Amino acid sequence: AMSRVLMFFLALAPLSLISCGDKDDTGTPPEGDADTDVDTDTDVVYCEGIFEIKSEGELDAIAHCESITGGLYFFEQDWLEIVELPSLTSVGGHLVIEGNGALTSLEGLSSLTTVGTYLVIYDNHALTSLEGLSSLTTVGGGGGFLFIINNDALTSLEGLSGLTYVGDDLSIHNNDSLCQSDAEAFAASIELGGTVDVRDNGTARTDCP
């Protein structure tokens, strides 16, 4: 069954794969450019639209993207072990990583610096760290939230050490292997535009302060 989290995001905008292309000389994403084989060393490679990734082929098809103008969703993909998008620097809309039982690493997102609205990391039971998000500095610059919820194996938030600002709410809860004190310290280090909800973490740990 589709989770309430994903249903919320899908209600905001219907999923559609629109187009990929490189930036023109005016700095704006191209219109009507369906070329997905862009090879450029100087211009930002824009991929326009909202992408729900359901196969390795679909992931490979956006591997060249440097900026996704809409949202990016990984929902209940049992084949997904790593999100391999090393060129991606920004997601203009939502980035939702939810219910991927085999996902162990976000290392392939090492170039990502901004998420425009919401970042959700939810119900990924094999994910132990967020190390791949070390370049991320801003979530929801114009208003948006960060959810890190129900990731049973997650032991640390050190991978988000570069994050300085969340535009709206921050929620970190029900991560059984994450010490509550570490979650609280992380939340205290972030500039927020909204509220903080940090609770019920570390229930599987006996070594937390």
C-alpha atoms as a PDB file:
ATOM      1  CA  ALA A   1       0.000   0.000   0.000  1.00  0.00           C
ATOM      2  CA  MET A   2       1.194   3.490  -0.743  1.00  0.00           C
ATOM      3  CA  SER A   3       2.283   5.342   2.388  1.00  0.00           C
ATOM      4  CA  ARG A   4       0.678   8.545   3.562  1.00  0.00           C
ATOM      5  CA  VAL A   5       3.996  10.337   3.101  1.00  0.00           C
ATOM      6  CA  LEU A   6       4.200   9.562  -0.621  1.00  0.00           C
ATOM      7  CA  MET A   7       0.481  10.151  -1.134  1.00  0.00           C
ATOM      8  CA  PHE A   8       0.953  13.649   0.273  1.00  0.00           C
ATOM      9  CA  PHE A   9       3.694  14.502  -2.212  1.00  0.00           C
ATOM     10  CA  LEU A  10       1.964  12.966  -5.197  1.00  0.00           C
ATOM     11  CA  ALA A  11      -1.136  14.993  -4.411  1.00  0.00           C
ATOM     12  CA  LEU A  12       0.881  18.167  -4.871  1.00  0.00           C
ATOM     13  CA  ALA A  13       1.843  17.440  -8.476  1.00  0.00           C
ATOM     14  CA  PRO A  14       1.135  14.587 -10.902  1.00  0.00           C
ATOM     15  CA  LEU A  15       4.192  12.582 -11.871  1.00  0.00           C
ATOM     16  CA  SER A  16       5.495  13.328 -15.362  1.00  0.00           C
ATOM     17  CA  LEU A  17       8.840  12.887 -17.040  1.00  0.00           C
ATOM     18  CA  ILE A  18       9.221  15.963 -19.195  1.00  0.00           C
ATOM     19  CA  SER A  19      12.645  16.501 -20.734  1.00  0.00           C
ATOM     20  CA  CYS A  20      16.358  16.818 -20.227  1.00  0.00           C
ATOM     21  CA  GLY A  21      18.737  19.282 -21.814  1.00  0.00           C
ATOM     22  CA  ASP A  22      21.532  21.749 -21.266  1.00  0.00           C
ATOM     23  CA  LYS A  23      21.181  25.356 -20.247  1.00  0.00           C
ATOM     24  CA  ASP A  24      21.006  27.904 -23.012  1.00  0.00           C
ATOM     25  CA  ASP A  25      23.048  31.108 -23.140  1.00  0.00           C
ATOM     26  CA  THR A  26      20.453  33.024 -21.130  1.00  0.00           C
ATOM     27  CA  GLY A  27      20.789  30.684 -18.148  1.00  0.00           C
ATOM     28  CA  THR A  28      17.253  29.300 -18.380  1.00  0.00           C
ATOM     29  CA  PRO A  29      16.273  25.660 -18.871  1.00  0.00           C
ATOM     30  CA  PRO A  30      15.426  24.843 -22.490  1.00  0.00           C
ATOM     31  CA  GLU A  31      11.876  24.282 -23.670  1.00  0.00           C
ATOM     32  CA  GLY A  32      10.882  21.292 -25.734  1.00  0.00           C
ATOM     33  CA  ASP A  33      14.361  19.752 -25.678  1.00  0.00           C
ATOM     34  CA  ALA A  34      13.988  15.984 -25.331  1.00  0.00           C
ATOM     35  CA  ASP A  35      17.681  15.240 -25.818  1.00  0.00           C
ATOM     36  CA  THR A  36      18.860  12.993 -22.998  1.00  0.00           C
ATOM     37  CA  ASP A  37      22.404  12.553 -24.343  1.00  0.00           C
ATOM     38  CA  VAL A  38      23.770  15.954 -23.384  1.00  0.00           C
ATOM     39  CA  ASP A  39      27.565  16.173 -23.255  1.00  0.00           C
ATOM     40  CA  THR A  40      28.773  19.537 -22.005  1.00  0.00           C
ATOM     41  CA  ASP A  41      31.599  20.616 -19.763  1.00  0.00           C
ATOM     42  CA  THR A  42      30.493  24.198 -19.231  1.00  0.00           C
ATOM     43  CA  ASP A  43      26.709  24.452 -18.904  1.00  0.00           C
ATOM     44  CA  VAL A  44      24.417  23.101 -16.227  1.00  0.00           C
ATOM     45  CA  VAL A  45      22.523  20.033 -17.450  1.00  0.00           C
ATOM     46  CA  TYR A  46      18.870  20.565 -16.536  1.00  0.00           C
ATOM     47  CA  CYS A  47      16.378  17.725 -16.344  1.00  0.00           C
ATOM     48  CA  GLU A  48      12.905  19.192 -16.316  1.00  0.00           C
ATOM     49  CA  GLY A  49       9.957  17.622 -14.573  1.00  0.00           C
ATOM     50  CA  ILE A  50       9.207  15.146 -11.819  1.00  0.00           C
ATOM     51  CA  PHE A  51      10.877  11.751 -11.749  1.00  0.00           C
ATOM     52  CA  GLU A  52       9.686   8.636  -9.959  1.00  0.00           C
ATOM     53  CA  ILE A  53      12.466   6.081 -10.371  1.00  0.00           C
ATOM     54  CA  LYS A  54      11.218   2.496 -10.757  1.00  0.00           C
ATOM     55  CA  SER A  55      14.143   0.718 -12.435  1.00  0.00           C
ATOM     56  CA  GLU A  56      17.900   0.802 -12.874  1.00  0.00           C
ATOM     57  CA  GLY A  57      17.315   1.936 -16.434  1.00  0.00           C
ATOM     58  CA  GLU A  58      15.343   4.966 -15.282  1.00  0.00           C
ATOM     59  CA  LEU A  59      18.084   5.821 -12.803  1.00  0.00           C
ATOM     60  CA  ASP A  60      20.755   5.505 -15.488  1.00  0.00           C
ATOM     61  CA  ALA A  61      18.704   7.756 -17.779  1.00  0.00           C
ATOM     62  CA  ILE A  62      19.105  10.712 -15.406  1.00  0.00           C
ATOM     63  CA  ALA A  63      22.690   9.966 -14.344  1.00  0.00           C
ATOM     64  CA  HIS A  64      23.917  12.965 -16.362  1.00  0.00           C
ATOM     65  CA  CYS A  65      21.527  15.413 -14.691  1.00  0.00           C
ATOM     66  CA  GLU A  66      23.083  18.231 -12.681  1.00  0.00           C
ATOM     67  CA  SER A  67      19.820  19.983 -11.796  1.00  0.00           C
ATOM     68  CA  ILE A  68      16.363  18.425 -11.598  1.00  0.00           C
ATOM     69  CA  THR A  69      13.807  21.212 -11.781  1.00  0.00           C
ATOM     70  CA  GLY A  70      10.950  19.239 -10.210  1.00  0.00           C
ATOM     71  CA  GLY A  71      10.867  16.375  -7.734  1.00  0.00           C
ATOM     72  CA  LEU A  72      12.739  13.092  -7.427  1.00  0.00           C
ATOM     73  CA  TYR A  73      11.141  10.013  -5.827  1.00  0.00           C
ATOM     74  CA  PHE A  74      12.493   6.599  -4.840  1.00  0.00           C
ATOM     75  CA  PHE A  75       9.605   4.606  -3.393  1.00  0.00           C
ATOM     76  CA  GLU A  76       9.717   0.924  -2.377  1.00  0.00           C
ATOM     77  CA  GLN A  77      12.338  -0.158  -4.906  1.00  0.00           C
ATOM     78  CA  ASP A  78      13.771  -3.462  -3.655  1.00  0.00           C
ATOM     79  CA  TRP A  79      16.585  -3.419  -6.246  1.00  0.00           C
ATOM     80  CA  LEU A  80      17.941  -0.081  -5.042  1.00  0.00           C
ATOM     81  CA  GLU A  81      21.148  -0.393  -2.997  1.00  0.00           C
ATOM     82  CA  ILE A  82      22.717   2.987  -3.758  1.00  0.00           C
ATOM     83  CA  VAL A  83      21.375   6.203  -5.292  1.00  0.00           C
ATOM     84  CA  GLU A  84      24.039   6.755  -7.951  1.00  0.00           C
ATOM     85  CA  LEU A  85      23.660  10.337  -9.215  1.00  0.00           C
ATOM     86  CA  PRO A  86      27.153  11.811  -8.823  1.00  0.00           C
ATOM     87  CA  SER A  87      26.515  14.820 -11.090  1.00  0.00           C
ATOM     88  CA  LEU A  88      23.357  15.988  -9.338  1.00  0.00           C
ATOM     89  CA  THR A  89      23.814  19.298  -7.495  1.00  0.00           C
ATOM     90  CA  SER A  90      20.223  20.434  -6.967  1.00  0.00           C
ATOM     91  CA  VAL A  91      16.632  19.222  -6.836  1.00  0.00           C
ATOM     92  CA  GLY A  92      14.163  22.050  -7.298  1.00  0.00           C
ATOM     93  CA  GLY A  93      11.207  20.265  -5.722  1.00  0.00           C
ATOM     94  CA  HIS A  94      10.920  17.310  -3.341  1.00  0.00           C
ATOM     95  CA  LEU A  95      13.465  14.555  -2.815  1.00  0.00           C
ATOM     96  CA  VAL A  96      11.722  11.532  -1.297  1.00  0.00           C
ATOM     97  CA  ILE A  97      13.620   8.339  -0.433  1.00  0.00           C
ATOM     98  CA  GLU A  98      11.113   5.966   1.139  1.00  0.00           C
ATOM     99  CA  GLY A  99      10.650   2.278   1.816  1.00  0.00           C
ATOM    100  CA  ASN A 100      13.714   0.995  -0.047  1.00  0.00           C
ATOM    101  CA  GLY A 101      14.582  -2.132   1.904  1.00  0.00           C
ATOM    102  CA  ALA A 102      17.976  -2.838   0.299  1.00  0.00           C
ATOM    103  CA  LEU A 103      19.247   0.754   0.289  1.00  0.00           C
ATOM    104  CA  THR A 104      22.500   0.951   2.258  1.00  0.00           C
ATOM    105  CA  SER A 105      24.164   4.109   0.949  1.00  0.00           C
ATOM    106  CA  LEU A 106      23.511   7.621  -0.323  1.00  0.00           C
ATOM    107  CA  GLU A 107      27.146   8.017  -1.414  1.00  0.00           C
ATOM    108  CA  GLY A 108      26.027   8.624  -4.998  1.00  0.00           C
ATOM    109  CA  LEU A 109      24.505  11.964  -3.972  1.00  0.00           C
ATOM    110  CA  SER A 110      27.828  13.460  -2.919  1.00  0.00           C
ATOM    111  CA  SER A 111      27.470  16.532  -5.182  1.00  0.00           C
ATOM    112  CA  LEU A 112      23.967  17.497  -3.999  1.00  0.00           C
ATOM    113  CA  THR A 113      23.956  20.950  -2.373  1.00  0.00           C
ATOM    114  CA  THR A 114      20.304  22.046  -2.314  1.00  0.00           C
ATOM    115  CA  VAL A 115      16.799  20.568  -2.158  1.00  0.00           C
ATOM    116  CA  GLY A 116      14.219  23.190  -3.043  1.00  0.00           C
ATOM    117  CA  THR A 117      11.282  22.053  -0.921  1.00  0.00           C
ATOM    118  CA  TYR A 118      11.074  18.781   1.047  1.00  0.00           C
ATOM    119  CA  LEU A 119      13.657  16.117   1.828  1.00  0.00           C
ATOM    120  CA  VAL A 120      12.158  12.898   3.177  1.00  0.00           C
ATOM    121  CA  ILE A 121      14.248   9.904   4.260  1.00  0.00           C
ATOM    122  CA  TYR A 122      11.692   7.449   5.574  1.00  0.00           C
ATOM    123  CA  ASP A 123      11.414   3.745   6.301  1.00  0.00           C
ATOM    124  CA  ASN A 124      14.715   2.640   4.741  1.00  0.00           C
ATOM    125  CA  HIS A 125      15.620  -0.169   7.117  1.00  0.00           C
ATOM    126  CA  ALA A 126      19.124  -1.024   5.813  1.00  0.00           C
ATOM    127  CA  LEU A 127      20.409   2.555   5.627  1.00  0.00           C
ATOM    128  CA  THR A 128      23.118   3.033   8.264  1.00  0.00           C
ATOM    129  CA  SER A 129      24.397   6.536   7.496  1.00  0.00           C
ATOM    130  CA  LEU A 130      23.756   9.691   5.482  1.00  0.00           C
ATOM    131  CA  GLU A 131      27.384  10.146   4.451  1.00  0.00           C
ATOM    132  CA  GLY A 132      26.518  10.790   0.817  1.00  0.00           C
ATOM    133  CA  LEU A 133      24.758  14.032   1.736  1.00  0.00           C
ATOM    134  CA  SER A 134      27.879  15.784   3.022  1.00  0.00           C
ATOM    135  CA  SER A 135      27.632  18.571   0.400  1.00  0.00           C
ATOM    136  CA  LEU A 136      24.011  19.420   1.218  1.00  0.00           C
ATOM    137  CA  THR A 137      23.693  22.902   2.730  1.00  0.00           C
ATOM    138  CA  THR A 138      20.048  23.937   2.294  1.00  0.00           C
ATOM    139  CA  VAL A 139      16.643  22.236   2.374  1.00  0.00           C
ATOM    140  CA  GLY A 140      13.565  24.274   1.552  1.00  0.00           C
ATOM    141  CA  GLY A 141      15.182  27.604   0.879  1.00  0.00           C
ATOM    142  CA  GLY A 142      11.757  29.009   0.045  1.00  0.00           C
ATOM    143  CA  GLY A 143       9.965  26.929   2.675  1.00  0.00           C
ATOM    144  CA  GLY A 144      10.147  23.176   3.081  1.00  0.00           C
ATOM    145  CA  PHE A 145      10.895  20.515   5.646  1.00  0.00           C
ATOM    146  CA  LEU A 146      13.325  17.736   6.465  1.00  0.00           C
ATOM    147  CA  PHE A 147      11.945  14.372   7.648  1.00  0.00           C
ATOM    148  CA  ILE A 148      14.237  11.580   8.868  1.00  0.00           C
ATOM    149  CA  ILE A 149      11.855   8.950  10.191  1.00  0.00           C
ATOM    150  CA  ASN A 150      11.726   5.216  10.891  1.00  0.00           C
ATOM    151  CA  ASN A 151      15.134   4.248   9.502  1.00  0.00           C
ATOM    152  CA  ASP A 152      15.927   1.343  11.820  1.00  0.00           C
ATOM    153  CA  ALA A 153      19.650   0.924  11.063  1.00  0.00           C
ATOM    154  CA  LEU A 154      20.576   4.620  10.910  1.00  0.00           C
ATOM    155  CA  THR A 155      23.262   5.260  13.533  1.00  0.00           C
ATOM    156  CA  SER A 156      24.502   8.741  12.701  1.00  0.00           C
ATOM    157  CA  LEU A 157      23.576  12.093  11.180  1.00  0.00           C
ATOM    158  CA  GLU A 158      27.194  13.098  10.591  1.00  0.00           C
ATOM    159  CA  GLY A 159      26.640  12.862   6.856  1.00  0.00           C
ATOM    160  CA  LEU A 160      24.522  16.019   7.125  1.00  0.00           C
ATOM    161  CA  SER A 161      27.315  18.016   8.777  1.00  0.00           C
ATOM    162  CA  GLY A 162      27.242  20.592   5.979  1.00  0.00           C
ATOM    163  CA  LEU A 163      23.528  21.352   6.372  1.00  0.00           C
ATOM    164  CA  THR A 164      22.936  24.810   7.809  1.00  0.00           C
ATOM    165  CA  TYR A 165      19.339  25.733   6.944  1.00  0.00           C
ATOM    166  CA  VAL A 166      15.889  24.117   6.747  1.00  0.00           C
ATOM    167  CA  GLY A 167      13.160  26.448   5.548  1.00  0.00           C
ATOM    168  CA  ASP A 168      10.355  25.017   7.644  1.00  0.00           C
ATOM    169  CA  ASP A 169       9.985  22.029  10.015  1.00  0.00           C
ATOM    170  CA  LEU A 170      12.551  19.428  11.065  1.00  0.00           C
ATOM    171  CA  SER A 171      11.338  15.980  12.171  1.00  0.00           C
ATOM    172  CA  ILE A 172      13.652  13.207  13.352  1.00  0.00           C
ATOM    173  CA  HIS A 173      11.925  10.345  15.086  1.00  0.00           C
ATOM    174  CA  ASN A 174      11.586   6.593  15.447  1.00  0.00           C
ATOM    175  CA  ASN A 175      15.099   5.857  14.221  1.00  0.00           C
ATOM    176  CA  ASP A 176      15.863   2.973  16.563  1.00  0.00           C
ATOM    177  CA  SER A 177      19.662   2.930  16.190  1.00  0.00           C
ATOM    178  CA  LEU A 178      20.174   6.707  16.349  1.00  0.00           C
ATOM    179  CA  CYS A 179      20.899   8.149  19.789  1.00  0.00           C
ATOM    180  CA  GLN A 180      18.308  10.686  20.850  1.00  0.00           C
ATOM    181  CA  SER A 181      21.058  12.974  22.156  1.00  0.00           C
ATOM    182  CA  ASP A 182      22.763  12.974  18.746  1.00  0.00           C
ATOM    183  CA  ALA A 183      19.490  13.823  17.025  1.00  0.00           C
ATOM    184  CA  GLU A 184      18.877  16.670  19.451  1.00  0.00           C
ATOM    185  CA  ALA A 185      22.401  18.044  18.988  1.00  0.00           C
ATOM    186  CA  PHE A 186      21.999  17.952  15.221  1.00  0.00           C
ATOM    187  CA  ALA A 187      18.654  19.778  15.384  1.00  0.00           C
ATOM    188  CA  ALA A 188      20.177  22.462  17.613  1.00  0.00           C
ATOM    189  CA  SER A 189      22.882  23.123  15.012  1.00  0.00           C
ATOM    190  CA  ILE A 190      20.443  23.925  12.185  1.00  0.00           C
ATOM    191  CA  GLU A 191      18.821  27.268  11.428  1.00  0.00           C
ATOM    192  CA  LEU A 192      15.113  26.568  11.045  1.00  0.00           C
ATOM    193  CA  GLY A 193      12.147  28.465   9.693  1.00  0.00           C
ATOM    194  CA  GLY A 194       9.671  26.217  11.518  1.00  0.00           C
ATOM    195  CA  THR A 195       9.330  23.774  14.394  1.00  0.00           C
ATOM    196  CA  VAL A 196      11.426  20.860  15.667  1.00  0.00           C
ATOM    197  CA  ASP A 197      10.092  17.368  16.394  1.00  0.00           C
ATOM    198  CA  VAL A 198      12.872  15.093  17.685  1.00  0.00           C
ATOM    199  CA  ARG A 199      11.674  12.081  19.673  1.00  0.00           C
ATOM    200  CA  ASP A 200      11.653   8.316  20.159  1.00  0.00           C
ATOM    201  CA  ASN A 201      15.098   7.699  18.709  1.00  0.00           C
ATOM    202  CA  GLY A 202      17.661   5.173  19.964  1.00  0.00           C
ATOM    203  CA  THR A 203      15.242   2.616  21.379  1.00  0.00           C
ATOM    204  CA  ALA A 204      17.490  -0.235  20.134  1.00  0.00           C
ATOM    205  CA  ARG A 205      20.654   1.272  21.662  1.00  0.00           C
ATOM    206  CA  THR A 206      22.021   0.621  25.140  1.00  0.00           C
ATOM    207  CA  ASP A 207      25.100   2.839  24.819  1.00  0.00           C
ATOM    208  CA  CYS A 208      23.448   6.230  24.275  1.00  0.00           C
ATOM    209  CA  PRO A 209      24.052   9.007  26.837  1.00  0.00           C
END
